[in-house]
């Protein structure tokens, strides 16, 4: 039997979007056709919420405003169970495809939708597909002006679609708000993503567990998942080979792997992590 891991608490987050909202689908399922797709976000969310409830785990849910408009009771249920509600924007448009004015409207639209469902102001934001990069740092000023207090959109890794390899993994104050980057591990000069998502589905769990234990020596690991990653019954779309692999790899085993993860580690929310320090200054109570 494996020894149970109890490193620094991991920060557990979920990007609440449906199977057809993702970057890999945008060329075959355009934004204007979302209303015609099968809405299945509740399939994965029901599993996630039940497992967290059984273990008394609180997490941060970065909710897409469009999803909240379709399923307001689901978002109220997340908040009622004591989880943090944060913004994932409204329409899942990548920042490098938006003007600053369009980004501001998308962000503020999401906040208008989410705050009443959460029952309190929204403090955090995560950009679709980690699209806060060096080219889109202008977005941080807009997030601050919109009343947000932290962003969790930077991925310190090398990826064809996103990433700032030299950003580091510790939270930083930028434009007056905290940037809470995802976690990558430097192994011999290679930045290996260990934050969840497709990497969690792809790697054997024993490897993930070992990498997380090692990464946690430098502080809490930021983990992210999507409800559709726990929905093996979602429609199968004819995608280019690489995109198909990225979206569907490991779906059949992901629930079992996630159960091992939440039994092996301890977790907190982004909000509570920033309050606990050690940081330059905590978020206000």
Protein backbone atom coordinates (compact mmCIF):
# COMPACT_ATOMS: atom_id res chain seq x y z
CA UNK A 1 0.00 0.00 0.00
CA UNK A 2 1.25 3.49 -0.91
CA UNK A 3 2.18 5.84 1.89
CA UNK A 4 -0.27 8.68 2.02
CA UNK A 5 1.12 12.03 0.89
CA UNK A 6 0.59 15.07 3.09
CA UNK A 7 2.66 17.90 1.56
CA UNK A 8 1.73 21.58 1.47
CA UNK A 9 -1.92 22.03 0.61
CA UNK A 10 -2.71 22.04 -3.09
CA UNK A 11 -4.96 24.78 -4.46
CA UNK A 12 -7.83 22.97 -6.17
CA UNK A 13 -9.56 24.79 -9.03
CA UNK A 14 -12.09 23.96 -11.73
CA UNK A 15 -12.77 25.81 -14.98
CA UNK A 16 -16.53 25.45 -15.39
CA UNK A 17 -17.20 25.18 -19.11
CA UNK A 18 -18.82 22.48 -21.23
CA UNK A 19 -17.29 20.04 -23.71
CA UNK A 20 -18.05 22.27 -26.72
CA UNK A 21 -16.65 25.50 -25.21
CA UNK A 22 -13.01 24.42 -25.35
CA UNK A 23 -10.27 25.76 -27.58
CA UNK A 24 -9.89 22.44 -29.41
CA UNK A 25 -13.53 22.65 -30.61
CA UNK A 26 -13.68 26.26 -31.73
CA UNK A 27 -13.12 25.53 -35.45
CA UNK A 28 -15.83 22.86 -35.64
CA UNK A 29 -18.30 24.24 -33.06
CA UNK A 30 -18.32 28.06 -33.43
CA UNK A 31 -19.48 30.19 -30.52
CA UNK A 32 -22.75 31.09 -32.29
CA UNK A 33 -23.78 27.39 -32.36
CA UNK A 34 -23.33 26.72 -28.63
CA UNK A 35 -27.06 26.97 -28.00
CA UNK A 36 -27.67 24.00 -30.30
CA UNK A 37 -25.21 21.69 -28.48
CA UNK A 38 -26.01 19.10 -25.82
CA UNK A 39 -25.47 20.76 -22.44
CA UNK A 40 -23.69 18.23 -20.21
CA UNK A 41 -21.78 20.33 -17.67
CA UNK A 42 -23.94 18.93 -14.86
CA UNK A 43 -22.60 15.39 -15.51
CA UNK A 44 -19.08 16.20 -14.44
CA UNK A 45 -20.06 18.82 -11.86
CA UNK A 46 -22.35 16.44 -9.99
CA UNK A 47 -19.49 13.96 -9.62
CA UNK A 48 -17.03 16.66 -8.53
CA UNK A 49 -19.32 18.27 -5.97
CA UNK A 50 -20.32 14.98 -4.40
CA UNK A 51 -16.74 13.81 -3.98
CA UNK A 52 -15.66 17.14 -2.49
CA UNK A 53 -18.65 17.13 -0.13
CA UNK A 54 -17.80 13.66 1.14
CA UNK A 55 -14.28 14.80 2.03
CA UNK A 56 -15.13 18.31 3.23
CA UNK A 57 -12.90 19.84 0.54
CA UNK A 58 -13.42 23.42 -0.63
CA UNK A 59 -12.26 24.51 -4.08
CA UNK A 60 -12.32 27.50 -6.42
CA UNK A 61 -14.64 27.30 -9.43
CA UNK A 62 -13.79 29.64 -12.31
CA UNK A 63 -17.20 29.78 -13.95
CA UNK A 64 -17.89 30.76 -17.55
CA UNK A 65 -20.63 33.38 -17.54
CA UNK A 66 -22.43 31.76 -20.48
CA UNK A 67 -22.67 28.50 -18.53
CA UNK A 68 -23.99 30.37 -15.49
CA UNK A 69 -26.73 31.88 -17.64
CA UNK A 70 -27.75 28.40 -18.83
CA UNK A 71 -27.48 26.66 -15.44
CA UNK A 72 -27.88 29.22 -12.64
CA UNK A 73 -29.01 26.64 -10.09
CA UNK A 74 -25.78 24.68 -10.57
CA UNK A 75 -23.74 27.76 -9.75
CA UNK A 76 -25.89 28.56 -6.73
CA UNK A 77 -25.33 24.98 -5.56
CA UNK A 78 -21.55 25.35 -5.88
CA UNK A 79 -21.66 28.51 -3.75
CA UNK A 80 -24.08 26.96 -1.23
CA UNK A 81 -21.59 24.16 -0.62
CA UNK A 82 -18.99 26.69 0.50
CA UNK A 83 -16.84 26.83 -2.61
CA UNK A 84 -15.35 30.00 -4.05
CA UNK A 85 -16.92 31.31 -7.27
CA UNK A 86 -14.55 33.16 -9.61
CA UNK A 87 -14.80 34.30 -13.23
CA UNK A 88 -13.70 32.48 -16.37
CA UNK A 89 -14.96 35.32 -18.54
CA UNK A 90 -18.32 35.20 -20.27
CA UNK A 91 -17.84 33.74 -23.75
CA UNK A 92 -14.49 31.86 -23.61
CA UNK A 93 -12.80 34.12 -26.13
CA UNK A 94 -9.02 34.15 -26.07
CA UNK A 95 -7.51 37.43 -24.96
CA UNK A 96 -5.34 37.78 -28.05
CA UNK A 97 -8.50 37.80 -30.20
CA UNK A 98 -10.12 40.65 -28.23
CA UNK A 99 -9.62 44.38 -28.10
CA UNK A 100 -9.19 45.86 -24.62
CA UNK A 101 -12.73 47.26 -24.87
CA UNK A 102 -14.21 43.89 -25.84
CA UNK A 103 -12.27 42.16 -23.06
CA UNK A 104 -13.55 44.65 -20.50
CA UNK A 105 -17.15 44.06 -21.58
CA UNK A 106 -16.72 40.27 -21.58
CA UNK A 107 -15.20 40.36 -18.08
CA UNK A 108 -17.75 42.73 -16.60
CA UNK A 109 -20.61 40.79 -18.23
CA UNK A 110 -19.40 37.67 -16.43
CA UNK A 111 -19.20 39.52 -13.11
CA UNK A 112 -22.76 40.83 -13.49
CA UNK A 113 -23.96 37.26 -14.01
CA UNK A 114 -21.86 35.53 -11.34
CA UNK A 115 -22.01 37.86 -8.34
CA UNK A 116 -25.75 37.38 -7.65
CA UNK A 117 -25.37 33.61 -7.94
CA UNK A 118 -22.35 33.57 -5.62
CA UNK A 119 -24.08 35.88 -3.16
CA UNK A 120 -20.99 38.07 -2.83
CA UNK A 121 -18.49 39.99 -4.99
CA UNK A 122 -16.26 37.99 -7.32
CA UNK A 123 -12.54 38.29 -6.45
CA UNK A 124 -10.74 36.12 -9.01
CA UNK A 125 -10.39 35.54 -12.74
CA UNK A 126 -8.87 32.94 -15.05
CA UNK A 127 -8.53 33.61 -18.78
CA UNK A 128 -9.71 31.00 -21.29
CA UNK A 129 -6.83 28.71 -22.29
CA UNK A 130 -4.36 30.56 -20.02
CA UNK A 131 -4.30 33.36 -22.60
CA UNK A 132 -2.69 35.94 -20.29
CA UNK A 133 0.76 36.07 -21.87
CA UNK A 134 3.39 38.77 -22.23
CA UNK A 135 1.44 40.07 -25.24
CA UNK A 136 -1.77 40.35 -23.24
CA UNK A 137 -0.52 41.75 -19.93
CA UNK A 138 -2.68 44.79 -20.75
CA UNK A 139 -5.62 42.69 -19.53
CA UNK A 140 -4.41 42.81 -15.92
CA UNK A 141 -5.07 46.55 -15.66
CA UNK A 142 -8.64 45.95 -16.83
CA UNK A 143 -9.16 43.16 -14.31
CA UNK A 144 -8.04 45.47 -11.51
CA UNK A 145 -10.28 48.29 -12.78
CA UNK A 146 -13.19 45.83 -12.83
CA UNK A 147 -12.78 45.26 -9.10
CA UNK A 148 -10.98 41.92 -9.19
CA UNK A 149 -8.19 41.13 -6.73
CA UNK A 150 -6.37 38.20 -8.32
CA UNK A 151 -5.81 36.47 -11.64
CA UNK A 152 -4.75 32.84 -12.19
CA UNK A 153 -4.04 32.73 -15.91
CA UNK A 154 -0.28 32.54 -16.40
CA UNK A 155 1.26 29.15 -17.12
CA UNK A 156 5.06 29.07 -16.70
CA UNK A 157 5.64 26.50 -19.42
CA UNK A 158 6.35 26.17 -23.14
CA UNK A 159 3.23 25.44 -25.14
CA UNK A 160 2.26 26.33 -28.74
CA UNK A 161 -0.89 28.15 -27.55
CA UNK A 162 0.12 29.82 -24.28
CA UNK A 163 2.77 30.12 -21.57
CA UNK A 164 5.40 32.42 -20.04
CA UNK A 165 8.32 30.05 -19.35
CA UNK A 166 10.33 32.46 -17.19
CA UNK A 167 7.46 33.69 -15.00
CA UNK A 168 8.12 31.39 -12.05
CA UNK A 169 5.53 29.63 -9.90
CA UNK A 170 5.21 31.99 -6.92
CA UNK A 171 2.34 34.54 -6.77
CA UNK A 172 3.35 38.06 -7.79
CA UNK A 173 1.71 41.47 -7.54
CA UNK A 174 1.14 42.84 -11.06
CA UNK A 175 -0.91 45.92 -11.91
CA UNK A 176 -2.18 46.01 -8.35
CA UNK A 177 -3.56 42.48 -8.25
CA UNK A 178 -2.11 39.09 -7.46
CA UNK A 179 -1.10 36.82 -10.31
CA UNK A 180 -1.34 33.21 -9.11
CA UNK A 181 0.42 31.16 -11.81
CA UNK A 182 -0.12 27.51 -12.57
CA UNK A 183 2.53 25.03 -11.42
CA UNK A 184 5.31 23.59 -13.54
CA UNK A 185 8.37 21.69 -12.38
CA UNK A 186 11.87 22.38 -13.67
CA UNK A 187 13.52 19.03 -14.38
CA UNK A 188 16.98 19.44 -15.84
CA UNK A 189 16.03 22.65 -17.59
CA UNK A 190 12.75 21.25 -18.95
CA UNK A 191 9.53 22.80 -17.63
CA UNK A 192 7.10 19.98 -16.98
CA UNK A 193 3.45 21.02 -16.38
CA UNK A 194 2.05 19.34 -13.27
CA UNK A 195 -1.13 21.37 -12.75
CA UNK A 196 -3.78 18.93 -13.96
CA UNK A 197 -5.98 19.13 -17.03
CA UNK A 198 -4.76 17.14 -20.00
CA UNK A 199 -1.46 16.43 -18.27
CA UNK A 200 -3.28 14.74 -15.40
CA UNK A 201 -5.25 12.61 -17.87
CA UNK A 202 -2.14 11.70 -19.83
CA UNK A 203 0.38 10.86 -17.09
CA UNK A 204 0.06 7.67 -15.01
CA UNK A 205 -1.22 8.60 -11.56
CA UNK A 206 1.90 7.28 -9.82
CA UNK A 207 3.97 9.72 -11.89
CA UNK A 208 1.61 12.61 -11.15
CA UNK A 209 1.68 11.85 -7.44
CA UNK A 210 5.48 11.83 -7.39
CA UNK A 211 5.72 15.08 -9.36
CA UNK A 212 3.16 16.83 -7.16
CA UNK A 213 4.95 15.76 -4.02
CA UNK A 214 8.20 17.16 -5.40
CA UNK A 215 6.62 20.39 -6.66
CA UNK A 216 4.87 20.99 -3.33
CA UNK A 217 8.23 21.41 -1.59
CA UNK A 218 8.31 24.88 -3.16
CA UNK A 219 4.83 25.78 -1.93
CA UNK A 220 1.24 24.89 -2.79
CA UNK A 221 0.60 23.43 -6.21
CA UNK A 222 -2.17 25.05 -8.28
CA UNK A 223 -4.36 22.32 -9.81
CA UNK A 224 -7.07 22.75 -12.44
CA UNK A 225 -9.73 20.50 -13.98
CA UNK A 226 -12.85 20.86 -16.15
CA UNK A 227 -16.23 19.19 -15.59
CA UNK A 228 -16.13 17.68 -19.10
CA UNK A 229 -12.98 15.77 -18.12
CA UNK A 230 -15.20 13.64 -15.85
CA UNK A 231 -17.85 12.98 -18.51
CA UNK A 232 -16.87 9.98 -20.60
CA UNK A 233 -20.31 10.03 -22.30
CA UNK A 234 -19.83 13.39 -24.01
CA UNK A 235 -20.30 13.51 -27.81
CA UNK A 236 -17.29 12.46 -29.88
CA UNK A 237 -16.40 15.07 -32.48
CA UNK A 238 -14.31 14.48 -35.59
CA UNK A 239 -11.25 16.63 -34.85
CA UNK A 240 -7.75 16.78 -36.32
CA UNK A 241 -5.66 13.97 -34.83
CA UNK A 242 -3.64 16.07 -32.37
CA UNK A 243 -6.68 18.01 -31.13
CA UNK A 244 -8.66 14.78 -30.78
CA UNK A 245 -5.87 13.27 -28.71
CA UNK A 246 -5.60 16.34 -26.47
CA UNK A 247 -9.32 16.42 -25.76
CA UNK A 248 -10.18 12.74 -25.33
CA UNK A 249 -7.02 11.18 -23.89
CA UNK A 250 -7.58 9.52 -20.52
CA UNK A 251 -11.28 10.36 -20.08
CA UNK A 252 -12.23 6.79 -19.20
CA UNK A 253 -9.81 6.66 -16.24
CA UNK A 254 -10.04 10.23 -15.02
CA UNK A 255 -12.66 9.78 -12.30
CA UNK A 256 -10.68 6.97 -10.66
CA UNK A 257 -7.44 8.97 -10.84
CA UNK A 258 -9.14 12.04 -9.38
CA UNK A 259 -10.44 9.99 -6.43
CA UNK A 260 -6.89 8.86 -5.69
CA UNK A 261 -5.69 12.46 -5.88
CA UNK A 262 -8.23 13.86 -3.42
CA UNK A 263 -7.51 11.04 -0.99
CA UNK A 264 -3.75 11.60 -1.18
CA UNK A 265 -3.50 15.38 -0.84
CA UNK A 266 -4.99 18.26 1.14
CA UNK A 267 -6.61 21.21 -0.59
CA UNK A 268 -7.63 24.83 -0.27
CA UNK A 269 -9.13 27.61 -2.40
CA UNK A 270 -7.22 30.37 -4.18
CA UNK A 271 -8.83 32.93 -1.89
CA UNK A 272 -7.76 31.12 1.29
CA UNK A 273 -4.27 30.47 -0.10
CA UNK A 274 -3.72 34.18 -0.69
CA UNK A 275 -4.99 34.99 2.78
CA UNK A 276 -2.69 32.48 4.45
CA UNK A 277 0.63 33.74 2.99
CA UNK A 278 3.55 34.01 3.26
CA UNK A 279 3.01 36.79 0.71
CA UNK A 280 3.71 40.52 0.51
CA UNK A 281 0.26 41.25 1.91
CA UNK A 282 -2.92 39.19 2.24
CA UNK A 283 -6.19 39.83 0.51
CA UNK A 284 -8.47 41.93 2.73
CA UNK A 285 -10.87 39.98 4.90
